[in-house]
Every structure is written in structure tokens, then in C-alpha cells.
Amino acid sequence: MRVLLLSGAFSLAFTLFLTPLFIRLFKKFGWGQFIRDDGPKSHHAKRGTATMGGIIIILGVLISYFTAMLIEQRPFTPSPLLVLFMMVGLGLVGFLDDFLKTRNQRSLGLGGWSKVLGQVIVAGAFGILSLQFADRNGQTPASTSISFIRDLPLDFMKLGTTIGVAVFLLWICLIVASTSNGVNVADGLDGLATGASIFAIGSFVVIGFWQSNQSCFGGADAADQYKCYLGPDSFDLAIVAATIVGGLIGFLWWNTSPAKIFLGDTGSLALGGALAALAILSRTELLLVLIGGLFVMEAGSVIVQRIYFKITHGKRIFLMSPIHHHFELKGWAEVTVVVRFWIIGGLLVAAGVGSFYLEWLSR
């Protein structure tokens, strides 16, 4: 438990106290936010605000996690390292997108398909690595079965090794691309994606801790052995989730309205990737629909708007998508939209964690 608290505290301190230094550095580099002309007029004042804040979070998480683990002399395990791999990999994709935006001074960096290709490459590498590194109990970090709260009886390997692995990798790419793009779409108001990510990623501190206490390989009481969890490295996943949450809390101090710095695609893609990796490695993939429900709502509003626009030849359901801009244009203050969306996100996370616990109680 001490390593979890230590890692989270280090990460919080890093982002809370060092973000102002990075803001000055980023402004020297000319890494300022470009604002779309067709967006809400209130956003035009944000032009030039430092962006790529995801760099600060990623650095804080990496330094804090490894420092705490070394101080406590806790051995490194594959699962949390895979979460960090996903976070850094998608952070690099986002950084390239942000860098092109700031250099060219336009709202489009990487093309849509180029960004998806980057996500697929990182997710594919993650998927392959997640089937390696079996522990002494024969458990690999990821399972080839689709999972909800536990693995469901839907194992891709029943299709045969070659086809099964290929379909598994497609499944991983779908989860990663959907989650990272969902967080990316939500990152449109000061603090919105950061606060929502604290709730969503924070849920995996609880889930990882509980799975560790009820592990089939040493945690569960004999009376509860029939409902134990199979996944390896559960407590280590809780540690890395706590480290990310700590970094997000410190960063939110500077990212809340009026924001001094934005996550940028560097941060939003990295956080979405970490969230997806935590769900995959904790065997709670479909539960992500609830835990990341706010991001599902945000991305869904964009998809619905585009489909309706094409079907009706120019009509719109929302005044503007993603849906947070719809409420802005209806006259809600930005802070009001953010706080109410945080409430929605928090309630959905509570429903997800509650479902996770109720499943255990009802077995």
C-alpha cells in the first residue's frame, strides 16, 4: 500500500509544482494552442495558451512510478509496464499531431487516417506484448477472451491460433482507438477531460486493489476462492493507476478554468490509451462503456451528428458537436458545462465500480 501512496504523491507533486516551469518553456518553444474560427467565440481568447501538457503528465508518471518502485524495492511486473508503454506510445502520436498544429498554425495536425494508423501500430504492439511474459501461474498480462467484469466464454483462440490472434489484435485496436479518441474528443473545455479521467482511471485503483485481495493465486480467502480473479499483477495495475491519477490532480490545478495549459493530443491520447490498457489488463473491457461513459457520450455525439447530417443533407441534431459545445452555444457557462459533465462522468464511474462489486457479491 505504501508504494501506491508514495507513487501517487510523487506524481501529484511533480505536476503541481513543476507545471509553471513547463508552461514558460512551452511558450518559449511557441507551443501555443490554435483555436478554430468556427468554434464558440468565447474560445478565441484561449488562442496561444500553452499546449502539449500531456508531456508533463507522462514525465511525472514515469519518474514517480519508477522512483517509488525502487525506493520500496518492489519488483517490476509486465502489466503496469505495458500500461506505461501504451501511454507513452499514444502520447508520441499525439505529440506529433500537436507539433504539426503549432508549427503550421492550423487546427489540423496529422490527418485522421494517419492518427488512426499511429494508434493501430501502438495498440498492435501492445496486443502482441500482452500475450507474452506468462507468470509462474501461466497467466499472461492480457487474456484472449472478451471480458466484462471477468473473462466471458468468448475466446478468440477458439477460431484457431492464427485467426484467433489476428481477431484479438483487431479487438485490442478497436478498444484502444475508441477510448483514446473518446478522451481526445472530450478535451474541448478547460479541465473537462482531465477531471473525467481522474474519475475513470481512479476506478482502476479500486478495481486493481480488490482483484489483488481476491486473487486466485494467494489473495482470496478459502471461502471465497470460487469467485476469485485470475488476472496477474492486479495490485501493480492499481499502483500505476494511482500514479496517473496523482499526476492528473496536480495538472488539473493549472488546467482548470481559466486554463494556463491544455492537455493537447499528447495528453488526451496518452490518457485514453492508459485507460484502455487498464481495462484490457484487468479483464474489464466491456465495463469500460460505463467507466468511460462520458467519453462514450462525447464521441457518440460526434458520430450521431455526422450520420444525421449526411442522411438529412445538412440538418443537425446538436448546435455543434461534441456535445459539450452544444450546451455552450445554448448559453451555459463553460465552468457549468464542465462541472455538470464531471458529475455525469462520476456517476457513470460509480455505476461501473458498483457493477463490478455487485458481480462479486452475487456469485
Protein backbone atom coordinates (compact mmCIF):
# COMPACT_ATOMS: atom_id res chain seq x y z
CA MET A 1 0.00 0.00 0.00
CA ARG A 2 2.85 2.39 0.80
CA VAL A 3 4.27 2.19 -2.70
CA LEU A 4 0.85 3.10 -4.15
CA LEU A 5 0.55 6.19 -1.93
CA LEU A 6 4.17 7.17 -2.50
CA SER A 7 3.94 6.90 -6.27
CA GLY A 8 0.69 8.90 -6.41
CA ALA A 9 2.10 11.59 -4.11
CA PHE A 10 5.31 11.95 -6.13
CA SER A 11 3.32 12.29 -9.35
CA LEU A 12 0.95 14.87 -7.85
CA ALA A 13 3.88 16.94 -6.53
CA PHE A 14 5.68 16.78 -9.89
CA THR A 15 2.78 18.15 -11.93
CA LEU A 16 1.55 20.58 -9.27
CA PHE A 17 4.89 22.30 -8.66
CA LEU A 18 6.70 21.92 -12.00
CA THR A 19 3.89 22.70 -14.46
CA PRO A 20 4.53 26.50 -14.28
CA LEU A 21 8.14 25.87 -15.36
CA PHE A 22 6.96 23.77 -18.30
CA ILE A 23 4.40 26.44 -19.26
CA ARG A 24 7.17 29.02 -19.60
CA LEU A 25 9.31 26.54 -21.53
CA PHE A 26 6.49 25.62 -23.93
CA LYS A 27 5.74 29.28 -24.59
CA LYS A 28 9.39 29.82 -25.47
CA PHE A 29 9.10 26.97 -27.97
CA GLY A 30 5.95 28.59 -29.40
CA TRP A 31 3.77 25.65 -28.40
CA GLY A 32 0.52 27.61 -28.14
CA GLN A 33 -3.00 26.37 -28.80
CA PHE A 34 -4.55 27.13 -32.19
CA ILE A 35 -8.30 27.82 -31.99
CA ARG A 36 -10.75 27.00 -34.79
CA ASP A 37 -12.58 30.02 -36.23
CA ASP A 38 -15.83 28.02 -36.42
CA GLY A 39 -15.78 27.13 -32.72
CA PRO A 40 -17.56 29.01 -29.91
CA LYS A 41 -16.47 32.68 -29.92
CA SER A 42 -15.65 32.53 -26.21
CA HIS A 43 -12.79 30.17 -27.07
CA HIS A 44 -10.95 32.71 -29.22
CA ALA A 45 -9.43 34.25 -26.08
CA LYS A 46 -7.65 30.92 -25.47
CA ARG A 47 -5.51 31.28 -28.59
CA GLY A 48 -1.85 30.94 -27.67
CA THR A 49 -2.42 29.15 -24.34
CA ALA A 50 0.36 26.62 -23.76
CA THR A 51 -0.48 23.14 -25.00
CA MET A 52 1.07 19.64 -25.01
CA GLY A 53 0.55 19.41 -21.24
CA GLY A 54 0.44 15.64 -21.65
CA ILE A 55 4.25 15.76 -21.73
CA ILE A 56 4.26 16.93 -18.10
CA ILE A 57 1.85 14.18 -17.01
CA ILE A 58 3.76 11.45 -18.85
CA LEU A 59 7.11 12.57 -17.40
CA GLY A 60 5.62 12.86 -13.92
CA VAL A 61 4.08 9.39 -14.11
CA LEU A 62 7.24 7.72 -15.43
CA ILE A 63 9.60 9.36 -12.92
CA SER A 64 7.25 8.86 -9.98
CA TYR A 65 6.35 5.24 -10.74
CA PHE A 66 9.95 4.05 -11.16
CA THR A 67 11.19 6.11 -8.20
CA ALA A 68 8.54 4.73 -5.83
CA MET A 69 9.11 1.16 -7.01
CA LEU A 70 12.87 1.46 -6.50
CA ILE A 71 12.52 3.10 -3.07
CA GLU A 72 10.20 0.31 -1.91
CA GLN A 73 12.32 -2.33 -3.68
CA ARG A 74 9.23 -3.80 -5.31
CA PRO A 75 9.93 -5.96 -8.36
CA PHE A 76 8.70 -4.71 -11.73
CA THR A 77 5.96 -6.74 -13.41
CA PRO A 78 4.83 -6.70 -17.07
CA SER A 79 1.27 -5.36 -16.74
CA PRO A 80 1.98 -1.84 -15.41
CA LEU A 81 4.92 -1.52 -17.81
CA LEU A 82 2.52 -2.29 -20.66
CA VAL A 83 0.19 0.48 -19.42
CA LEU A 84 3.15 2.88 -19.47
CA PHE A 85 4.13 1.62 -22.94
CA MET A 86 0.64 2.39 -24.23
CA MET A 87 0.62 5.78 -22.54
CA VAL A 88 3.99 6.82 -23.96
CA GLY A 89 3.27 5.35 -27.41
CA LEU A 90 -0.02 7.17 -27.90
CA GLY A 91 1.49 10.25 -26.28
CA LEU A 92 4.09 10.27 -29.07
CA VAL A 93 1.33 10.02 -31.70
CA GLY A 94 -0.44 12.94 -30.02
CA PHE A 95 2.80 14.93 -29.76
CA LEU A 96 3.36 14.62 -33.50
CA ASP A 97 -0.19 15.85 -34.09
CA ASP A 98 0.24 18.80 -31.67
CA PHE A 99 3.65 19.72 -33.09
CA LEU A 100 2.29 19.92 -36.63
CA LYS A 101 -0.60 22.08 -35.42
CA THR A 102 1.65 24.56 -33.63
CA ARG A 103 4.21 24.67 -36.45
CA ASN A 104 1.63 25.18 -39.19
CA GLN A 105 -0.71 27.31 -37.03
CA ARG A 106 -3.85 25.43 -38.00
CA SER A 107 -6.32 23.17 -36.21
CA LEU A 108 -5.39 20.09 -38.25
CA GLY A 109 -2.13 18.30 -37.48
CA LEU A 110 -1.96 14.68 -38.51
CA GLY A 111 -4.66 13.61 -40.94
CA GLY A 112 -7.44 11.48 -39.48
CA TRP A 113 -6.22 8.23 -41.01
CA SER A 114 -2.59 9.00 -40.13
CA LYS A 115 -3.59 9.39 -36.49
CA VAL A 116 -5.57 6.14 -36.59
CA LEU A 117 -2.57 4.38 -38.16
CA GLY A 118 -0.39 5.55 -35.28
CA GLN A 119 -2.95 4.31 -32.77
CA VAL A 120 -3.19 0.94 -34.52
CA ILE A 121 0.61 0.49 -34.57
CA VAL A 122 0.91 1.21 -30.84
CA ALA A 123 -2.17 -0.88 -29.98
CA GLY A 124 -0.97 -3.79 -32.14
CA ALA A 125 2.44 -3.80 -30.45
CA PHE A 126 0.71 -3.64 -27.06
CA GLY A 127 -1.55 -6.55 -28.01
CA ILE A 128 1.35 -8.75 -29.09
CA LEU A 129 3.38 -7.95 -25.97
CA SER A 130 0.37 -8.52 -23.71
CA LEU A 131 0.26 -12.20 -24.73
CA GLN A 132 3.90 -12.70 -23.72
CA PHE A 133 5.51 -12.76 -20.26
CA ALA A 134 3.45 -15.54 -18.67
CA ASP A 135 3.91 -15.63 -14.89
CA ARG A 136 4.60 -18.70 -12.77
CA ASN A 137 0.86 -19.48 -12.83
CA GLY A 138 0.78 -19.43 -16.62
CA GLN A 139 -1.16 -16.15 -16.75
CA THR A 140 -0.24 -13.60 -19.43
CA PRO A 141 -0.99 -9.89 -18.83
CA ALA A 142 -3.96 -9.97 -21.25
CA SER A 143 -6.49 -12.68 -21.97
CA THR A 144 -7.61 -13.70 -25.45
CA SER A 145 -11.22 -13.74 -24.22
CA ILE A 146 -13.61 -10.80 -24.38
CA SER A 147 -14.19 -9.58 -20.84
CA PHE A 148 -16.89 -7.67 -19.00
CA ILE A 149 -16.16 -7.90 -15.28
CA ARG A 150 -14.35 -11.19 -15.81
CA ASP A 151 -13.49 -13.12 -18.94
CA LEU A 152 -16.60 -14.19 -20.83
CA PRO A 153 -16.81 -17.59 -22.60
CA LEU A 154 -15.87 -15.86 -25.86
CA ASP A 155 -12.27 -16.84 -26.51
CA PHE A 156 -10.77 -15.72 -29.82
CA MET A 157 -8.41 -18.70 -29.76
CA LYS A 158 -11.36 -20.98 -30.48
CA LEU A 159 -11.05 -19.69 -34.05
CA GLY A 160 -7.59 -21.23 -34.30
CA THR A 161 -4.23 -19.78 -33.33
CA THR A 162 -3.55 -17.63 -36.40
CA ILE A 163 -7.09 -16.30 -36.91
CA GLY A 164 -7.62 -16.04 -33.15
CA VAL A 165 -4.54 -13.86 -32.60
CA ALA A 166 -5.46 -11.69 -35.61
CA VAL A 167 -9.01 -11.11 -34.34
CA PHE A 168 -7.69 -10.49 -30.82
CA LEU A 169 -5.37 -7.78 -32.17
CA LEU A 170 -8.25 -6.20 -34.08
CA TRP A 171 -10.29 -6.20 -30.87
CA ILE A 172 -7.44 -4.52 -28.97
CA CYS A 173 -7.04 -1.91 -31.71
CA LEU A 174 -10.78 -1.18 -31.62
CA ILE A 175 -10.77 -0.68 -27.83
CA VAL A 176 -7.67 1.50 -27.90
CA ALA A 177 -8.73 3.66 -30.85
CA SER A 178 -12.25 4.12 -29.46
CA THR A 179 -11.09 5.02 -25.95
CA SER A 180 -8.24 7.33 -26.94
CA ASN A 181 -10.39 9.16 -29.48
CA GLY A 182 -13.19 9.45 -26.91
CA VAL A 183 -10.88 11.20 -24.43
CA ASN A 184 -9.47 13.30 -27.27
CA VAL A 185 -12.95 14.49 -28.28
CA ALA A 186 -13.80 15.34 -24.65
CA ASP A 187 -10.74 17.56 -24.37
CA GLY A 188 -12.50 20.69 -25.59
CA LEU A 189 -13.19 22.65 -22.39
CA ASP A 190 -10.87 23.69 -19.57
CA GLY A 191 -10.36 20.72 -17.24
CA LEU A 192 -13.12 18.56 -18.72
CA ALA A 193 -11.04 15.61 -19.96
CA THR A 194 -8.58 15.89 -17.06
CA GLY A 195 -11.27 15.74 -14.37
CA ALA A 196 -13.23 12.99 -16.13
CA SER A 197 -10.02 10.95 -16.49
CA ILE A 198 -9.36 11.25 -12.75
CA PHE A 199 -12.68 9.52 -12.10
CA ALA A 200 -12.28 6.88 -14.83
CA ILE A 201 -8.64 5.95 -14.22
CA GLY A 202 -9.13 6.26 -10.46
CA SER A 203 -11.72 3.47 -10.64
CA PHE A 204 -8.91 1.07 -11.59
CA VAL A 205 -7.15 1.82 -8.30
CA VAL A 206 -10.22 0.34 -6.58
CA ILE A 207 -10.63 -2.49 -9.11
CA GLY A 208 -6.94 -3.45 -9.05
CA PHE A 209 -6.79 -3.37 -5.25
CA TRP A 210 -9.91 -5.54 -4.94
CA GLN A 211 -8.73 -8.03 -7.57
CA SER A 212 -5.42 -8.32 -5.74
CA ASN A 213 -7.17 -9.05 -2.43
CA GLN A 214 -9.39 -11.64 -4.14
CA SER A 215 -6.76 -13.20 -6.39
CA CYS A 216 -6.94 -16.90 -7.20
CA PHE A 217 -3.21 -17.07 -6.52
CA GLY A 218 -2.94 -16.09 -2.89
CA GLY A 219 -5.32 -13.22 -2.08
CA ALA A 220 -8.78 -14.73 -1.67
CA ASP A 221 -9.97 -16.45 1.48
CA ALA A 222 -10.69 -20.16 1.14
CA ALA A 223 -14.43 -19.49 1.50
CA ASP A 224 -14.35 -17.03 -1.42
CA GLN A 225 -12.00 -18.99 -3.66
CA TYR A 226 -14.80 -19.88 -6.08
CA LYS A 227 -15.21 -16.20 -7.06
CA CYS A 228 -11.55 -15.20 -7.17
CA TYR A 229 -9.90 -13.28 -10.05
CA LEU A 230 -7.40 -14.81 -12.46
CA GLY A 231 -5.55 -11.76 -13.79
CA PRO A 232 -1.90 -11.23 -12.81
CA ASP A 233 -0.28 -8.07 -11.39
CA SER A 234 -3.56 -6.60 -10.14
CA PHE A 235 -2.02 -4.55 -7.33
CA ASP A 236 0.68 -3.25 -9.67
CA LEU A 237 -2.07 -2.04 -12.02
CA ALA A 238 -3.58 -0.19 -9.05
CA ILE A 239 -0.19 1.42 -8.40
CA VAL A 240 0.22 2.71 -11.95
CA ALA A 241 -3.42 3.92 -11.99
CA ALA A 242 -2.83 5.82 -8.73
CA THR A 243 0.32 7.35 -10.22
CA ILE A 244 -1.60 8.63 -13.24
CA VAL A 245 -4.41 9.97 -11.03
CA GLY A 246 -1.89 11.81 -8.85
CA GLY A 247 -0.37 13.43 -11.93
CA LEU A 248 -3.80 14.42 -13.22
CA ILE A 249 -4.84 16.04 -9.93
CA GLY A 250 -1.70 18.17 -9.87
CA PHE A 251 -2.12 19.08 -13.53
CA LEU A 252 -5.80 19.99 -13.05
CA TRP A 253 -4.71 22.83 -10.74
CA TRP A 254 -3.32 24.57 -13.85
CA ASN A 255 -5.74 23.12 -16.42
CA THR A 256 -8.98 24.20 -14.75
CA SER A 257 -10.77 27.33 -15.97
CA PRO A 258 -9.19 29.64 -16.93
CA ALA A 259 -6.61 27.11 -18.12
CA LYS A 260 -2.95 28.05 -18.14
CA ILE A 261 -2.13 24.94 -20.16
CA PHE A 262 -4.02 22.35 -22.19
CA LEU A 263 -3.55 18.59 -22.39
CA GLY A 264 -3.25 18.68 -26.16
CA ASP A 265 -3.50 15.48 -28.18
CA THR A 266 -0.27 14.46 -26.41
CA GLY A 267 -2.22 14.20 -23.17
CA SER A 268 -5.66 13.14 -24.33
CA LEU A 269 -4.43 10.25 -26.49
CA ALA A 270 -2.00 9.14 -23.77
CA LEU A 271 -4.75 9.13 -21.12
CA GLY A 272 -7.17 7.31 -23.41
CA GLY A 273 -4.51 4.71 -24.13
CA ALA A 274 -3.76 4.22 -20.44
CA LEU A 275 -7.48 3.86 -19.68
CA ALA A 276 -7.89 1.27 -22.44
CA ALA A 277 -4.80 -0.66 -21.29
CA LEU A 278 -6.04 -0.76 -17.68
CA ALA A 279 -9.39 -2.17 -18.82
CA ILE A 280 -7.79 -4.79 -21.06
CA LEU A 281 -5.25 -5.96 -18.47
CA SER A 282 -7.77 -6.03 -15.60
CA ARG A 283 -10.22 -8.10 -17.71
CA THR A 284 -12.91 -5.39 -17.60
CA GLU A 285 -13.06 -4.40 -21.28
CA LEU A 286 -16.82 -4.05 -21.74
CA LEU A 287 -17.17 -2.42 -18.32
CA LEU A 288 -15.29 0.47 -19.93
CA VAL A 289 -18.57 1.51 -21.56
CA LEU A 290 -19.75 2.54 -18.08
CA ILE A 291 -16.45 3.63 -16.54
CA GLY A 292 -15.64 5.70 -19.62
CA GLY A 293 -19.29 6.54 -20.20
CA LEU A 294 -18.70 10.28 -20.50
CA PHE A 295 -16.17 9.68 -23.28
CA VAL A 296 -18.65 7.33 -25.00
CA MET A 297 -21.26 10.11 -24.82
CA GLU A 298 -18.85 12.71 -26.24
CA ALA A 299 -17.62 10.54 -29.11
CA GLY A 300 -21.14 9.24 -29.77
CA SER A 301 -22.45 12.80 -30.19
CA VAL A 302 -19.91 13.40 -32.97
CA ILE A 303 -20.79 10.16 -34.75
CA VAL A 304 -24.56 10.75 -34.47
CA GLN A 305 -24.17 14.35 -35.68
CA ARG A 306 -22.20 13.31 -38.75
CA ILE A 307 -24.53 10.47 -39.69
CA TYR A 308 -27.65 12.65 -39.26
CA PHE A 309 -26.00 15.49 -41.24
CA LYS A 310 -25.34 13.16 -44.19
CA ILE A 311 -28.73 11.44 -44.08
CA THR A 312 -30.69 14.72 -43.91
CA HIS A 313 -28.37 16.59 -46.31
CA GLY A 314 -27.27 19.31 -43.93
CA LYS A 315 -29.53 19.21 -40.86
CA ARG A 316 -28.08 18.90 -37.36
CA ILE A 317 -29.25 17.35 -34.09
CA PHE A 318 -26.88 19.41 -31.96
CA LEU A 319 -25.95 23.07 -32.41
CA MET A 320 -22.36 21.84 -32.51
CA SER A 321 -20.56 18.62 -31.70
CA PRO A 322 -19.03 17.31 -29.48
CA ILE A 323 -22.00 17.72 -27.20
CA HIS A 324 -20.23 19.97 -24.68
CA HIS A 325 -20.13 22.69 -27.36
CA HIS A 326 -23.89 22.25 -27.90
CA PHE A 327 -24.55 23.32 -24.31
CA GLU A 328 -22.07 26.19 -24.58
CA LEU A 329 -23.95 27.54 -27.59
CA LYS A 330 -27.22 27.17 -25.66
CA GLY A 331 -25.83 29.67 -23.16
CA TRP A 332 -24.31 27.51 -20.42
CA ALA A 333 -21.12 28.93 -18.94
CA GLU A 334 -18.04 26.84 -19.67
CA VAL A 335 -17.48 26.07 -15.97
CA THR A 336 -21.12 24.96 -15.66
CA VAL A 337 -20.75 22.53 -18.57
CA VAL A 338 -17.51 21.13 -17.16
CA VAL A 339 -18.80 20.58 -13.62
CA ARG A 340 -22.07 19.03 -14.79
CA PHE A 341 -20.20 16.72 -17.15
CA TRP A 342 -17.86 15.76 -14.30
CA ILE A 343 -20.96 14.85 -12.27
CA ILE A 344 -22.26 12.70 -15.13
CA GLY A 345 -18.84 11.07 -15.56
CA GLY A 346 -18.55 10.43 -11.82
CA LEU A 347 -21.99 8.84 -11.65
CA LEU A 348 -21.17 6.55 -14.59
CA VAL A 349 -17.88 5.54 -12.95
CA ALA A 350 -19.76 4.82 -9.71
CA ALA A 351 -22.20 2.66 -11.68
CA GLY A 352 -19.27 0.79 -13.25
CA VAL A 353 -17.44 0.16 -9.98
CA GLY A 354 -20.75 -0.71 -8.31
CA SER A 355 -21.49 -3.26 -11.04
CA PHE A 356 -18.01 -4.71 -10.57
CA TYR A 357 -18.57 -5.19 -6.83
CA LEU A 358 -22.16 -6.42 -7.17
CA GLU A 359 -20.98 -9.13 -9.58
CA TRP A 360 -18.64 -10.42 -6.88
CA LEU A 361 -21.35 -10.29 -4.20
CA SER A 362 -23.89 -12.10 -6.39
CA ARG A 363 -21.69 -15.06 -7.37
